[in-house]
Amino acid sequence: MLSGMTLADDILSLVTRKPGLTEAEIAKHLFGRLGYQQRVNSTCRRLIHEYRIERRGNGGPGHPFNYHRKRIVDGA
């Protein structure tokens, strides 16, 4: 994890640079080879609820969800 940033900030930054990562891949990028996926699960769900990232895919075995930065759509 980058110093001075929250886990949510780190996830947002990562999925902006590398869209399409799974939760396991996000954990490995942020916490190293043995990154613990559960550390990012609740934060990813919160960011989805806040409309800051979006989850794609079916989430089934062999096809995990992947995460992307939510596109901001101008209402004009």
C-alpha atoms as a PDB file:
ATOM      1  CA  MET A   1       0.000   0.000   0.000  1.00  0.00           C
ATOM      2  CA  LEU A   2       1.235   3.489  -0.764  1.00  0.00           C
ATOM      3  CA  SER A   3       2.015   5.614   2.271  1.00  0.00           C
ATOM      4  CA  GLY A   4      -0.309   8.492   3.118  1.00  0.00           C
ATOM      5  CA  MET A   5      -3.179   7.054   1.103  1.00  0.00           C
ATOM      6  CA  THR A   6      -6.181   5.039   2.182  1.00  0.00           C
ATOM      7  CA  LEU A   7      -6.844   1.568   0.837  1.00  0.00           C
ATOM      8  CA  ALA A   8      -9.740   3.014  -1.197  1.00  0.00           C
ATOM      9  CA  ASP A   9      -7.384   5.597  -2.755  1.00  0.00           C
ATOM     10  CA  ASP A  10      -4.881   2.869  -3.595  1.00  0.00           C
ATOM     11  CA  ILE A  11      -7.560   0.704  -5.222  1.00  0.00           C
ATOM     12  CA  LEU A  12      -8.912   3.629  -7.257  1.00  0.00           C
ATOM     13  CA  SER A  13      -5.421   4.519  -8.434  1.00  0.00           C
ATOM     14  CA  LEU A  14      -4.630   0.919  -9.340  1.00  0.00           C
ATOM     15  CA  VAL A  15      -7.816   0.191 -11.301  1.00  0.00           C
ATOM     16  CA  THR A  16      -7.388   3.490 -13.141  1.00  0.00           C
ATOM     17  CA  ARG A  17      -3.888   2.459 -14.254  1.00  0.00           C
ATOM     18  CA  LYS A  18      -4.686  -1.235 -14.758  1.00  0.00           C
ATOM     19  CA  PRO A  19      -8.389  -1.723 -15.484  1.00  0.00           C
ATOM     20  CA  GLY A  20      -9.763  -5.243 -15.360  1.00  0.00           C
ATOM     21  CA  LEU A  21      -7.952  -6.555 -12.285  1.00  0.00           C
ATOM     22  CA  THR A  22      -9.647  -9.081 -10.005  1.00  0.00           C
ATOM     23  CA  GLU A  23      -9.777  -8.666  -6.211  1.00  0.00           C
ATOM     24  CA  ALA A  24      -6.967 -11.222  -5.858  1.00  0.00           C
ATOM     25  CA  GLU A  25      -4.813  -9.310  -8.350  1.00  0.00           C
ATOM     26  CA  ILE A  26      -5.534  -6.004  -6.598  1.00  0.00           C
ATOM     27  CA  ALA A  27      -4.461  -7.570  -3.281  1.00  0.00           C
ATOM     28  CA  LYS A  28      -1.222  -8.881  -4.804  1.00  0.00           C
ATOM     29  CA  HIS A  29      -0.403  -5.490  -6.349  1.00  0.00           C
ATOM     30  CA  LEU A  30      -1.025  -3.662  -3.073  1.00  0.00           C
ATOM     31  CA  PHE A  31       0.236  -6.163  -0.495  1.00  0.00           C
ATOM     32  CA  GLY A  32       2.712  -8.369  -2.342  1.00  0.00           C
ATOM     33  CA  ARG A  33       2.814 -11.947  -3.520  1.00  0.00           C
ATOM     34  CA  LEU A  34       0.888 -13.222  -0.519  1.00  0.00           C
ATOM     35  CA  GLY A  35      -1.682 -10.422  -0.686  1.00  0.00           C
ATOM     36  CA  TYR A  36      -4.804 -11.318   1.236  1.00  0.00           C
ATOM     37  CA  GLN A  37      -7.856 -10.803  -0.965  1.00  0.00           C
ATOM     38  CA  GLN A  38     -10.234 -10.274   1.958  1.00  0.00           C
ATOM     39  CA  ARG A  39      -8.408  -7.019   2.745  1.00  0.00           C
ATOM     40  CA  VAL A  40      -9.741  -5.464  -0.463  1.00  0.00           C
ATOM     41  CA  ASN A  41     -13.190  -7.125  -0.747  1.00  0.00           C
ATOM     42  CA  SER A  42     -15.152  -4.780   1.507  1.00  0.00           C
ATOM     43  CA  THR A  43     -13.400  -1.697   0.145  1.00  0.00           C
ATOM     44  CA  CYS A  44     -14.195  -2.693  -3.455  1.00  0.00           C
ATOM     45  CA  ARG A  45     -17.840  -3.191  -2.511  1.00  0.00           C
ATOM     46  CA  ARG A  46     -17.950   0.198  -0.803  1.00  0.00           C
ATOM     47  CA  LEU A  47     -16.422   1.862  -3.874  1.00  0.00           C
ATOM     48  CA  ILE A  48     -19.064   0.173  -6.061  1.00  0.00           C
ATOM     49  CA  HIS A  49     -21.807   1.437  -3.737  1.00  0.00           C
ATOM     50  CA  GLU A  50     -20.300   4.945  -3.979  1.00  0.00           C
ATOM     51  CA  TYR A  51     -20.278   4.679  -7.822  1.00  0.00           C
ATOM     52  CA  ARG A  52     -16.499   5.135  -7.955  1.00  0.00           C
ATOM     53  CA  ILE A  53     -15.649   1.757  -9.512  1.00  0.00           C
ATOM     54  CA  GLU A  54     -17.655  -0.849 -11.355  1.00  0.00           C
ATOM     55  CA  ARG A  55     -17.512  -4.615 -11.287  1.00  0.00           C
ATOM     56  CA  ARG A  56     -17.756  -6.583 -14.531  1.00  0.00           C
ATOM     57  CA  GLY A  57     -18.061 -10.252 -15.319  1.00  0.00           C
ATOM     58  CA  ASN A  58     -20.149 -13.083 -13.934  1.00  0.00           C
ATOM     59  CA  GLY A  59     -18.090 -13.844 -10.832  1.00  0.00           C
ATOM     60  CA  GLY A  60     -18.413 -17.586 -11.284  1.00  0.00           C
ATOM     61  CA  PRO A  61     -15.697 -20.172 -10.726  1.00  0.00           C
ATOM     62  CA  GLY A  62     -12.892 -19.584 -13.180  1.00  0.00           C
ATOM     63  CA  HIS A  63     -14.379 -16.193 -14.156  1.00  0.00           C
ATOM     64  CA  PRO A  64     -13.872 -13.812 -11.227  1.00  0.00           C
ATOM     65  CA  PHE A  65     -15.271 -10.303 -11.236  1.00  0.00           C
ATOM     66  CA  ASN A  66     -12.921  -7.623 -12.512  1.00  0.00           C
ATOM     67  CA  TYR A  67     -12.876  -3.973 -11.573  1.00  0.00           C
ATOM     68  CA  HIS A  68     -12.779  -0.747 -13.544  1.00  0.00           C
ATOM     69  CA  ARG A  69     -12.885   2.943 -12.673  1.00  0.00           C
ATOM     70  CA  LYS A  70     -16.457   4.196 -13.027  1.00  0.00           C
ATOM     71  CA  ARG A  71     -16.873   6.529 -15.957  1.00  0.00           C
ATOM     72  CA  ILE A  72     -18.345   9.886 -15.112  1.00  0.00           C
ATOM     73  CA  VAL A  73     -21.181  10.724 -17.456  1.00  0.00           C
ATOM     74  CA  ASP A  74     -22.017  14.377 -17.945  1.00  0.00           C
ATOM     75  CA  GLY A  75     -25.747  14.942 -17.546  1.00  0.00           C
ATOM     76  CA  ALA A  76     -25.758  17.795 -20.104  1.00  0.00           C
END
